Amino acid sequence: LKITSQNFEQEVLKSDKKVLIDFYA
């Protein structure tokens, strides 16, 4: 899932699952 500042809180902080985030360029 592509994370932006707009969906970060809902998709990451409020996730009921463990979250793996890949910071990349």
mmCIF file of all heavy atoms, coordinates in Angstrom:
data_MODEL
# 
_entry.id   MODEL 
# 
loop_
_atom_site.group_PDB 
_atom_site.id 
_atom_site.type_symbol 
_atom_site.label_atom_id 
_atom_site.label_alt_id 
_atom_site.label_comp_id 
_atom_site.label_asym_id 
_atom_site.label_entity_id 
_atom_site.label_seq_id 
_atom_site.pdbx_PDB_ins_code 
_atom_site.Cartn_x 
_atom_site.Cartn_y 
_atom_site.Cartn_z 
_atom_site.occupancy 
_atom_site.B_iso_or_equiv 
_atom_site.pdbx_formal_charge 
_atom_site.auth_seq_id 
_atom_site.auth_comp_id 
_atom_site.auth_asym_id 
_atom_site.auth_atom_id 
_atom_site.pdbx_PDB_model_num 
ATOM 1   N N   . LEU A 1 1  ? 0.842  -1.184 0.000  1.00 0.00 ? 1  LEU A N   1 
ATOM 2   C CA  . LEU A 1 1  ? 0.000  0.000  0.000  1.00 0.00 ? 1  LEU A CA  1 
ATOM 3   C C   . LEU A 1 1  ? 0.882  1.240  0.000  1.00 0.00 ? 1  LEU A C   1 
ATOM 4   O O   . LEU A 1 1  ? 1.829  1.324  0.781  1.00 0.00 ? 1  LEU A O   1 
ATOM 5   C CB  . LEU A 1 1  ? -0.859 -0.034 1.267  1.00 0.00 ? 1  LEU A CB  1 
ATOM 6   C CG  . LEU A 1 1  ? -1.869 1.055  1.485  1.00 0.00 ? 1  LEU A CG  1 
ATOM 7   C CD1 . LEU A 1 1  ? -2.940 1.012  0.395  1.00 0.00 ? 1  LEU A CD1 1 
ATOM 8   C CD2 . LEU A 1 1  ? -2.515 0.870  2.845  1.00 0.00 ? 1  LEU A CD2 1 
ATOM 9   N N   . LYS A 1 2  ? 0.583  2.180  -0.883 1.00 0.00 ? 2  LYS A N   1 
ATOM 10  C CA  . LYS A 1 2  ? 1.344  3.433  -0.921 1.00 0.00 ? 2  LYS A CA  1 
ATOM 11  C C   . LYS A 1 2  ? 0.838  4.340  0.204  1.00 0.00 ? 2  LYS A C   1 
ATOM 12  O O   . LYS A 1 2  ? -0.346 4.636  0.284  1.00 0.00 ? 2  LYS A O   1 
ATOM 13  C CB  . LYS A 1 2  ? 1.175  4.120  -2.278 1.00 0.00 ? 2  LYS A CB  1 
ATOM 14  C CG  . LYS A 1 2  ? 1.976  5.397  -2.375 1.00 0.00 ? 2  LYS A CG  1 
ATOM 15  C CD  . LYS A 1 2  ? 1.890  6.016  -3.744 1.00 0.00 ? 2  LYS A CD  1 
ATOM 16  C CE  . LYS A 1 2  ? 2.700  7.302  -3.749 1.00 0.00 ? 2  LYS A CE  1 
ATOM 17  N NZ  . LYS A 1 2  ? 2.886  7.817  -5.078 1.00 0.00 ? 2  LYS A NZ  1 
ATOM 18  N N   . ILE A 1 3  ? 1.757  4.760  1.054  1.00 0.00 ? 3  ILE A N   1 
ATOM 19  C CA  . ILE A 1 3  ? 1.401  5.601  2.191  1.00 0.00 ? 3  ILE A CA  1 
ATOM 20  C C   . ILE A 1 3  ? 1.795  7.047  1.910  1.00 0.00 ? 3  ILE A C   1 
ATOM 21  O O   . ILE A 1 3  ? 2.898  7.323  1.443  1.00 0.00 ? 3  ILE A O   1 
ATOM 22  C CB  . ILE A 1 3  ? 2.092  5.100  3.481  1.00 0.00 ? 3  ILE A CB  1 
ATOM 23  C CG1 . ILE A 1 3  ? 1.622  3.693  3.843  1.00 0.00 ? 3  ILE A CG1 1 
ATOM 24  C CG2 . ILE A 1 3  ? 1.854  6.064  4.645  1.00 0.00 ? 3  ILE A CG2 1 
ATOM 25  C CD1 . ILE A 1 3  ? 0.153  3.562  4.154  1.00 0.00 ? 3  ILE A CD1 1 
ATOM 26  N N   . THR A 1 4  ? 0.860  7.947  2.213  1.00 0.00 ? 4  THR A N   1 
ATOM 27  C CA  . THR A 1 4  ? 1.097  9.384  2.098  1.00 0.00 ? 4  THR A CA  1 
ATOM 28  C C   . THR A 1 4  ? 0.767  10.008 3.451  1.00 0.00 ? 4  THR A C   1 
ATOM 29  O O   . THR A 1 4  ? 0.211  9.334  4.338  1.00 0.00 ? 4  THR A O   1 
ATOM 30  C CB  . THR A 1 4  ? 0.187  10.008 1.021  1.00 0.00 ? 4  THR A CB  1 
ATOM 31  O OG1 . THR A 1 4  ? -1.171 9.892  1.464  1.00 0.00 ? 4  THR A OG1 1 
ATOM 32  C CG2 . THR A 1 4  ? 0.368  9.346  -0.330 1.00 0.00 ? 4  THR A CG2 1 
ATOM 33  N N   . SER A 1 5  ? 1.059  11.271 3.599  1.00 0.00 ? 5  SER A N   1 
ATOM 34  C CA  . SER A 1 5  ? 0.712  11.941 4.860  1.00 0.00 ? 5  SER A CA  1 
ATOM 35  C C   . SER A 1 5  ? -0.805 11.957 5.058  1.00 0.00 ? 5  SER A C   1 
ATOM 36  O O   . SER A 1 5  ? -1.284 11.985 6.186  1.00 0.00 ? 5  SER A O   1 
ATOM 37  C CB  . SER A 1 5  ? 1.293  13.353 4.890  1.00 0.00 ? 5  SER A CB  1 
ATOM 38  O OG  . SER A 1 5  ? 0.925  14.068 3.740  1.00 0.00 ? 5  SER A OG  1 
ATOM 39  N N   . GLN A 1 6  ? -1.572 11.872 3.954  1.00 0.00 ? 6  GLN A N   1 
ATOM 40  C CA  . GLN A 1 6  ? -3.029 11.885 4.056  1.00 0.00 ? 6  GLN A CA  1 
ATOM 41  C C   . GLN A 1 6  ? -3.594 10.574 4.618  1.00 0.00 ? 6  GLN A C   1 
ATOM 42  O O   . GLN A 1 6  ? -4.568 10.589 5.351  1.00 0.00 ? 6  GLN A O   1 
ATOM 43  C CB  . GLN A 1 6  ? -3.676 12.157 2.686  1.00 0.00 ? 6  GLN A CB  1 
ATOM 44  C CG  . GLN A 1 6  ? -3.583 13.597 2.234  1.00 0.00 ? 6  GLN A CG  1 
ATOM 45  C CD  . GLN A 1 6  ? -2.190 13.987 1.758  1.00 0.00 ? 6  GLN A CD  1 
ATOM 46  O OE1 . GLN A 1 6  ? -1.495 13.196 1.126  1.00 0.00 ? 6  GLN A OE1 1 
ATOM 47  N NE2 . GLN A 1 6  ? -1.764 15.192 2.079  1.00 0.00 ? 6  GLN A NE2 1 
ATOM 48  N N   . ASN A 1 7  ? -2.999 9.425  4.258  1.00 0.00 ? 7  ASN A N   1 
ATOM 49  C CA  . ASN A 1 7  ? -3.567 8.149  4.720  1.00 0.00 ? 7  ASN A CA  1 
ATOM 50  C C   . ASN A 1 7  ? -2.731 7.478  5.815  1.00 0.00 ? 7  ASN A C   1 
ATOM 51  O O   . ASN A 1 7  ? -3.077 6.408  6.284  1.00 0.00 ? 7  ASN A O   1 
ATOM 52  C CB  . ASN A 1 7  ? -3.784 7.192  3.545  1.00 0.00 ? 7  ASN A CB  1 
ATOM 53  C CG  . ASN A 1 7  ? -2.499 6.683  2.919  1.00 0.00 ? 7  ASN A CG  1 
ATOM 54  O OD1 . ASN A 1 7  ? -1.385 7.047  3.307  1.00 0.00 ? 7  ASN A OD1 1 
ATOM 55  N ND2 . ASN A 1 7  ? -2.647 5.830  1.919  1.00 0.00 ? 7  ASN A ND2 1 
ATOM 56  N N   . PHE A 1 8  ? -1.648 8.118  6.247  1.00 0.00 ? 8  PHE A N   1 
ATOM 57  C CA  . PHE A 1 8  ? -0.739 7.512  7.227  1.00 0.00 ? 8  PHE A CA  1 
ATOM 58  C C   . PHE A 1 8  ? -1.447 7.146  8.535  1.00 0.00 ? 8  PHE A C   1 
ATOM 59  O O   . PHE A 1 8  ? -1.329 6.022  9.013  1.00 0.00 ? 8  PHE A O   1 
ATOM 60  C CB  . PHE A 1 8  ? 0.434  8.464  7.513  1.00 0.00 ? 8  PHE A CB  1 
ATOM 61  C CG  . PHE A 1 8  ? 1.349  7.964  8.587  1.00 0.00 ? 8  PHE A CG  1 
ATOM 62  C CD1 . PHE A 1 8  ? 2.262  6.945  8.325  1.00 0.00 ? 8  PHE A CD1 1 
ATOM 63  C CD2 . PHE A 1 8  ? 1.290  8.488  9.867  1.00 0.00 ? 8  PHE A CD2 1 
ATOM 64  C CE1 . PHE A 1 8  ? 3.101  6.477  9.325  1.00 0.00 ? 8  PHE A CE1 1 
ATOM 65  C CE2 . PHE A 1 8  ? 2.118  8.025  10.870 1.00 0.00 ? 8  PHE A CE2 1 
ATOM 66  C CZ  . PHE A 1 8  ? 3.025  7.012  10.596 1.00 0.00 ? 8  PHE A CZ  1 
ATOM 67  N N   . GLU A 1 9  ? -2.190 8.080  9.104  1.00 0.00 ? 9  GLU A N   1 
ATOM 68  C CA  . GLU A 1 9  ? -2.830 7.810  10.392 1.00 0.00 ? 9  GLU A CA  1 
ATOM 69  C C   . GLU A 1 9  ? -3.799 6.632  10.299 1.00 0.00 ? 9  GLU A C   1 
ATOM 70  O O   . GLU A 1 9  ? -3.751 5.703  11.104 1.00 0.00 ? 9  GLU A O   1 
ATOM 71  C CB  . GLU A 1 9  ? -3.564 9.053  10.901 1.00 0.00 ? 9  GLU A CB  1 
ATOM 72  C CG  . GLU A 1 9  ? -4.169 8.829  12.274 1.00 0.00 ? 9  GLU A CG  1 
ATOM 73  C CD  . GLU A 1 9  ? -4.830 10.073 12.857 1.00 0.00 ? 9  GLU A CD  1 
ATOM 74  O OE1 . GLU A 1 9  ? -4.683 11.175 12.293 1.00 0.00 ? 9  GLU A OE1 1 
ATOM 75  O OE2 . GLU A 1 9  ? -5.488 9.926  13.886 1.00 0.00 ? 9  GLU A OE2 1 
ATOM 76  N N   . GLN A 1 10 ? -4.660 6.666  9.285  1.00 0.00 ? 10 GLN A N   1 
ATOM 77  C CA  . GLN A 1 10 ? -5.669 5.609  9.138  1.00 0.00 ? 10 GLN A CA  1 
ATOM 78  C C   . GLN A 1 10 ? -5.041 4.252  8.826  1.00 0.00 ? 10 GLN A C   1 
ATOM 79  O O   . GLN A 1 10 ? -5.384 3.245  9.433  1.00 0.00 ? 10 GLN A O   1 
ATOM 80  C CB  . GLN A 1 10 ? -6.667 5.990  8.039  1.00 0.00 ? 10 GLN A CB  1 
ATOM 81  C CG  . GLN A 1 10 ? -7.829 5.033  7.919  1.00 0.00 ? 10 GLN A CG  1 
ATOM 82  C CD  . GLN A 1 10 ? -8.684 4.961  9.187  1.00 0.00 ? 10 GLN A CD  1 
ATOM 83  O OE1 . GLN A 1 10 ? -8.980 5.979  9.808  1.00 0.00 ? 10 GLN A OE1 1 
ATOM 84  N NE2 . GLN A 1 10 ? -9.061 3.771  9.580  1.00 0.00 ? 10 GLN A NE2 1 
ATOM 85  N N   . GLU A 1 11 ? -4.114 4.215  7.872  1.00 0.00 ? 11 GLU A N   1 
ATOM 86  C CA  . GLU A 1 11 ? -3.574 2.944  7.390  1.00 0.00 ? 11 GLU A CA  1 
ATOM 87  C C   . GLU A 1 11 ? -2.469 2.366  8.284  1.00 0.00 ? 11 GLU A C   1 
ATOM 88  O O   . GLU A 1 11 ? -2.298 1.152  8.339  1.00 0.00 ? 11 GLU A O   1 
ATOM 89  C CB  . GLU A 1 11 ? -3.040 3.101  5.964  1.00 0.00 ? 11 GLU A CB  1 
ATOM 90  C CG  . GLU A 1 11 ? -4.099 3.427  4.939  1.00 0.00 ? 11 GLU A CG  1 
ATOM 91  C CD  . GLU A 1 11 ? -5.113 2.312  4.723  1.00 0.00 ? 11 GLU A CD  1 
ATOM 92  O OE1 . GLU A 1 11 ? -4.879 1.168  5.151  1.00 0.00 ? 11 GLU A OE1 1 
ATOM 93  O OE2 . GLU A 1 11 ? -6.162 2.588  4.118  1.00 0.00 ? 11 GLU A OE2 1 
ATOM 94  N N   . VAL A 1 12 ? -1.709 3.223  8.953  1.00 0.00 ? 12 VAL A N   1 
ATOM 95  C CA  . VAL A 1 12 ? -0.574 2.745  9.755  1.00 0.00 ? 12 VAL A CA  1 
ATOM 96  C C   . VAL A 1 12 ? -0.872 2.819  11.245 1.00 0.00 ? 12 VAL A C   1 
ATOM 97  O O   . VAL A 1 12 ? -0.876 1.810  11.941 1.00 0.00 ? 12 VAL A O   1 
ATOM 98  C CB  . VAL A 1 12 ? 0.721  3.523  9.413  1.00 0.00 ? 12 VAL A CB  1 
ATOM 99  C CG1 . VAL A 1 12 ? 1.870  3.085  10.297 1.00 0.00 ? 12 VAL A CG1 1 
ATOM 100 C CG2 . VAL A 1 12 ? 1.082  3.316  7.943  1.00 0.00 ? 12 VAL A CG2 1 
ATOM 101 N N   . LEU A 1 13 ? -1.135 4.017  11.735 1.00 0.00 ? 13 LEU A N   1 
ATOM 102 C CA  . LEU A 1 13 ? -1.311 4.184  13.182 1.00 0.00 ? 13 LEU A CA  1 
ATOM 103 C C   . LEU A 1 13 ? -2.548 3.465  13.715 1.00 0.00 ? 13 LEU A C   1 
ATOM 104 O O   . LEU A 1 13 ? -2.525 2.949  14.822 1.00 0.00 ? 13 LEU A O   1 
ATOM 105 C CB  . LEU A 1 13 ? -1.372 5.673  13.541 1.00 0.00 ? 13 LEU A CB  1 
ATOM 106 C CG  . LEU A 1 13 ? -0.100 6.475  13.277 1.00 0.00 ? 13 LEU A CG  1 
ATOM 107 C CD1 . LEU A 1 13 ? -0.286 7.927  13.698 1.00 0.00 ? 13 LEU A CD1 1 
ATOM 108 C CD2 . LEU A 1 13 ? 1.105  5.864  13.978 1.00 0.00 ? 13 LEU A CD2 1 
ATOM 109 N N   . LYS A 1 14 ? -3.611 3.429  12.929 1.00 0.00 ? 14 LYS A N   1 
ATOM 110 C CA  . LYS A 1 14 ? -4.859 2.802  13.389 1.00 0.00 ? 14 LYS A CA  1 
ATOM 111 C C   . LYS A 1 14 ? -5.032 1.379  12.863 1.00 0.00 ? 14 LYS A C   1 
ATOM 112 O O   . LYS A 1 14 ? -6.114 0.806  13.006 1.00 0.00 ? 14 LYS A O   1 
ATOM 113 C CB  . LYS A 1 14 ? -6.052 3.667  12.980 1.00 0.00 ? 14 LYS A CB  1 
ATOM 114 C CG  . LYS A 1 14 ? -6.068 5.010  13.695 1.00 0.00 ? 14 LYS A CG  1 
ATOM 115 C CD  . LYS A 1 14 ? -7.281 5.824  13.331 1.00 0.00 ? 14 LYS A CD  1 
ATOM 116 C CE  . LYS A 1 14 ? -7.297 7.126  14.120 1.00 0.00 ? 14 LYS A CE  1 
ATOM 117 N NZ  . LYS A 1 14 ? -8.423 7.975  13.715 1.00 0.00 ? 14 LYS A NZ  1 
ATOM 118 N N   . SER A 1 15 ? -3.990 0.802  12.285 1.00 0.00 ? 15 SER A N   1 
ATOM 119 C CA  . SER A 1 15 ? -4.096 -0.542 11.720 1.00 0.00 ? 15 SER A CA  1 
ATOM 120 C C   . SER A 1 15 ? -4.285 -1.579 12.822 1.00 0.00 ? 15 SER A C   1 
ATOM 121 O O   . SER A 1 15 ? -3.651 -1.507 13.875 1.00 0.00 ? 15 SER A O   1 
ATOM 122 C CB  . SER A 1 15 ? -2.821 -0.879 10.927 1.00 0.00 ? 15 SER A CB  1 
ATOM 123 O OG  . SER A 1 15 ? -2.900 -2.208 10.448 1.00 0.00 ? 15 SER A OG  1 
ATOM 124 N N   . ASP A 1 16 ? -5.156 -2.547 12.560 1.00 0.00 ? 16 ASP A N   1 
ATOM 125 C CA  . ASP A 1 16 ? -5.330 -3.638 13.517 1.00 0.00 ? 16 ASP A CA  1 
ATOM 126 C C   . ASP A 1 16 ? -4.355 -4.788 13.230 1.00 0.00 ? 16 ASP A C   1 
ATOM 127 O O   . ASP A 1 16 ? -4.353 -5.791 13.925 1.00 0.00 ? 16 ASP A O   1 
ATOM 128 C CB  . ASP A 1 16 ? -6.776 -4.148 13.517 1.00 0.00 ? 16 ASP A CB  1 
ATOM 129 C CG  . ASP A 1 16 ? -7.249 -4.551 12.127 1.00 0.00 ? 16 ASP A CG  1 
ATOM 130 O OD1 . ASP A 1 16 ? -6.519 -4.325 11.145 1.00 0.00 ? 16 ASP A OD1 1 
ATOM 131 O OD2 . ASP A 1 16 ? -8.369 -5.090 12.020 1.00 0.00 ? 16 ASP A OD2 1 
ATOM 132 N N   . LYS A 1 17 ? -3.531 -4.623 12.193 1.00 0.00 ? 17 LYS A N   1 
ATOM 133 C CA  . LYS A 1 17 ? -2.503 -5.614 11.845 1.00 0.00 ? 17 LYS A CA  1 
ATOM 134 C C   . LYS A 1 17 ? -1.129 -5.035 12.141 1.00 0.00 ? 17 LYS A C   1 
ATOM 135 O O   . LYS A 1 17 ? -0.959 -3.818 12.238 1.00 0.00 ? 17 LYS A O   1 
ATOM 136 C CB  . LYS A 1 17 ? -2.537 -5.937 10.348 1.00 0.00 ? 17 LYS A CB  1 
ATOM 137 C CG  . LYS A 1 17 ? -3.787 -6.591 9.848  1.00 0.00 ? 17 LYS A CG  1 
ATOM 138 C CD  . LYS A 1 17 ? -3.629 -6.828 8.353  1.00 0.00 ? 17 LYS A CD  1 
ATOM 139 C CE  . LYS A 1 17 ? -4.805 -7.562 7.758  1.00 0.00 ? 17 LYS A CE  1 
ATOM 140 N NZ  . LYS A 1 17 ? -4.598 -7.801 6.326  1.00 0.00 ? 17 LYS A NZ  1 
ATOM 141 N N   . LYS A 1 18 ? -0.138 -5.916 12.230 1.00 0.00 ? 18 LYS A N   1 
ATOM 142 C CA  . LYS A 1 18 ? 1.253  -5.472 12.278 1.00 0.00 ? 18 LYS A CA  1 
ATOM 143 C C   . LYS A 1 18 ? 1.550  -4.839 10.917 1.00 0.00 ? 18 LYS A C   1 
ATOM 144 O O   . LYS A 1 18 ? 1.053  -5.294 9.894  1.00 0.00 ? 18 LYS A O   1 
ATOM 145 C CB  . LYS A 1 18 ? 2.168  -6.668 12.521 1.00 0.00 ? 18 LYS A CB  1 
ATOM 146 C CG  . LYS A 1 18 ? 3.582  -6.285 12.911 1.00 0.00 ? 18 LYS A CG  1 
ATOM 147 C CD  . LYS A 1 18 ? 4.420  -7.510 13.207 1.00 0.00 ? 18 LYS A CD  1 
ATOM 148 C CE  . LYS A 1 18 ? 4.269  -7.941 14.642 1.00 0.00 ? 18 LYS A CE  1 
ATOM 149 N NZ  . LYS A 1 18 ? 5.229  -8.993 15.006 1.00 0.00 ? 18 LYS A NZ  1 
ATOM 150 N N   . VAL A 1 19 ? 2.360  -3.765 10.906 1.00 0.00 ? 19 VAL A N   1 
ATOM 151 C CA  . VAL A 1 19 ? 2.635  -3.015 9.677  1.00 0.00 ? 19 VAL A CA  1 
ATOM 152 C C   . VAL A 1 19 ? 4.131  -3.042 9.378  1.00 0.00 ? 19 VAL A C   1 
ATOM 153 O O   . VAL A 1 19 ? 4.950  -2.787 10.259 1.00 0.00 ? 19 VAL A O   1 
ATOM 154 C CB  . VAL A 1 19 ? 2.164  -1.547 9.808  1.00 0.00 ? 19 VAL A CB  1 
ATOM 155 C CG1 . VAL A 1 19 ? 2.449  -0.770 8.529  1.00 0.00 ? 19 VAL A CG1 1 
ATOM 156 C CG2 . VAL A 1 19 ? 0.682  -1.472 10.167 1.00 0.00 ? 19 VAL A CG2 1 
ATOM 157 N N   . LEU A 1 20 ? 4.468  -3.359 8.128  1.00 0.00 ? 20 LEU A N   1 
ATOM 158 C CA  . LEU A 1 20 ? 5.837  -3.262 7.627  1.00 0.00 ? 20 LEU A CA  1 
ATOM 159 C C   . LEU A 1 20 ? 5.877  -2.075 6.672  1.00 0.00 ? 20 LEU A C   1 
ATOM 160 O O   . LEU A 1 20 ? 5.131  -2.039 5.695  1.00 0.00 ? 20 LEU A O   1 
ATOM 161 C CB  . LEU A 1 20 ? 6.255  -4.539 6.884  1.00 0.00 ? 20 LEU A CB  1 
ATOM 162 C CG  . LEU A 1 20 ? 7.593  -4.484 6.148  1.00 0.00 ? 20 LEU A CG  1 
ATOM 163 C CD1 . LEU A 1 20 ? 8.753  -4.305 7.127  1.00 0.00 ? 20 LEU A CD1 1 
ATOM 164 C CD2 . LEU A 1 20 ? 7.797  -5.732 5.305  1.00 0.00 ? 20 LEU A CD2 1 
ATOM 165 N N   . ILE A 1 21 ? 6.740  -1.098 6.981  1.00 0.00 ? 21 ILE A N   1 
ATOM 166 C CA  . ILE A 1 21 ? 6.876  0.080  6.116  1.00 0.00 ? 21 ILE A CA  1 
ATOM 167 C C   . ILE A 1 21 ? 8.250  0.049  5.463  1.00 0.00 ? 21 ILE A C   1 
ATOM 168 O O   . ILE A 1 21 ? 9.262  -0.109 6.139  1.00 0.00 ? 21 ILE A O   1 
ATOM 169 C CB  . ILE A 1 21 ? 6.746  1.399  6.905  1.00 0.00 ? 21 ILE A CB  1 
ATOM 170 C CG1 . ILE A 1 21 ? 5.461  1.420  7.722  1.00 0.00 ? 21 ILE A CG1 1 
ATOM 171 C CG2 . ILE A 1 21 ? 6.803  2.588  5.954  1.00 0.00 ? 21 ILE A CG2 1 
ATOM 172 C CD1 . ILE A 1 21 ? 5.387  2.581  8.708  1.00 0.00 ? 21 ILE A CD1 1 
ATOM 173 N N   . ASP A 1 22 ? 8.253  0.206  4.148  1.00 0.00 ? 22 ASP A N   1 
ATOM 174 C CA  . ASP A 1 22 ? 9.490  0.297  3.369  1.00 0.00 ? 22 ASP A CA  1 
ATOM 175 C C   . ASP A 1 22 ? 9.668  1.764  2.960  1.00 0.00 ? 22 ASP A C   1 
ATOM 176 O O   . ASP A 1 22 ? 8.898  2.279  2.154  1.00 0.00 ? 22 ASP A O   1 
ATOM 177 C CB  . ASP A 1 22 ? 9.378  -0.609 2.138  1.00 0.00 ? 22 ASP A CB  1 
ATOM 178 C CG  . ASP A 1 22 ? 10.558 -0.475 1.183  1.00 0.00 ? 22 ASP A CG  1 
ATOM 179 O OD1 . ASP A 1 22 ? 11.635 -0.014 1.616  1.00 0.00 ? 22 ASP A OD1 1 
ATOM 180 O OD2 . ASP A 1 22 ? 10.394 -0.839 0.001  1.00 0.00 ? 22 ASP A OD2 1 
ATOM 181 N N   . PHE A 1 23 ? 10.657 2.440  3.558  1.00 0.00 ? 23 PHE A N   1 
ATOM 182 C CA  . PHE A 1 23 ? 11.020 3.790  3.136  1.00 0.00 ? 23 PHE A CA  1 
ATOM 183 C C   . PHE A 1 23 ? 11.990 3.649  1.975  1.00 0.00 ? 23 PHE A C   1 
ATOM 184 O O   . PHE A 1 23 ? 13.026 2.989  2.121  1.00 0.00 ? 23 PHE A O   1 
ATOM 185 C CB  . PHE A 1 23 ? 11.685 4.562  4.284  1.00 0.00 ? 23 PHE A CB  1 
ATOM 186 C CG  . PHE A 1 23 ? 10.716 5.010  5.342  1.00 0.00 ? 23 PHE A CG  1 
ATOM 187 C CD1 . PHE A 1 23 ? 10.395 4.188  6.397  1.00 0.00 ? 23 PHE A CD1 1 
ATOM 188 C CD2 . PHE A 1 23 ? 10.135 6.271  5.264  1.00 0.00 ? 23 PHE A CD2 1 
ATOM 189 C CE1 . PHE A 1 23 ? 9.507  4.601  7.378  1.00 0.00 ? 23 PHE A CE1 1 
ATOM 190 C CE2 . PHE A 1 23 ? 9.244  6.696  6.246  1.00 0.00 ? 23 PHE A CE2 1 
ATOM 191 C CZ  . PHE A 1 23 ? 8.923  5.857  7.300  1.00 0.00 ? 23 PHE A CZ  1 
ATOM 192 N N   . TYR A 1 24 ? 11.668 4.264  0.837  1.00 0.00 ? 24 TYR A N   1 
ATOM 193 C CA  . TYR A 1 24 ? 12.459 4.058  -0.378 1.00 0.00 ? 24 TYR A CA  1 
ATOM 194 C C   . TYR A 1 24 ? 12.452 5.314  -1.249 1.00 0.00 ? 24 TYR A C   1 
ATOM 195 O O   . TYR A 1 24 ? 11.730 6.271  -0.972 1.00 0.00 ? 24 TYR A O   1 
ATOM 196 C CB  . TYR A 1 24 ? 11.882 2.883  -1.184 1.00 0.00 ? 24 TYR A CB  1 
ATOM 197 C CG  . TYR A 1 24 ? 10.632 3.267  -1.944 1.00 0.00 ? 24 TYR A CG  1 
ATOM 198 C CD1 . TYR A 1 24 ? 10.689 3.561  -3.299 1.00 0.00 ? 24 TYR A CD1 1 
ATOM 199 C CD2 . TYR A 1 24 ? 9.405  3.388  -1.301 1.00 0.00 ? 24 TYR A CD2 1 
ATOM 200 C CE1 . TYR A 1 24 ? 9.550  3.949  -3.996 1.00 0.00 ? 24 TYR A CE1 1 
ATOM 201 C CE2 . TYR A 1 24 ? 8.271  3.776  -1.983 1.00 0.00 ? 24 TYR A CE2 1 
ATOM 202 C CZ  . TYR A 1 24 ? 8.348  4.057  -3.328 1.00 0.00 ? 24 TYR A CZ  1 
ATOM 203 O OH  . TYR A 1 24 ? 7.230  4.459  -4.012 1.00 0.00 ? 24 TYR A OH  1 
ATOM 204 N N   . ALA A 1 25 ? 13.263 5.272  -2.301 1.00 0.00 ? 25 ALA A N   1 
ATOM 205 C CA  . ALA A 1 25 ? 13.219 6.286  -3.359 1.00 0.00 ? 25 ALA A CA  1 
ATOM 206 C C   . ALA A 1 25 ? 13.422 5.558  -4.693 1.00 0.00 ? 25 ALA A C   1 
ATOM 207 O O   . ALA A 1 25 ? 14.101 4.527  -4.748 1.00 0.00 ? 25 ALA A O   1 
ATOM 208 C CB  . ALA A 1 25 ? 14.309 7.333  -3.154 1.00 0.00 ? 25 ALA A CB  1 
# 
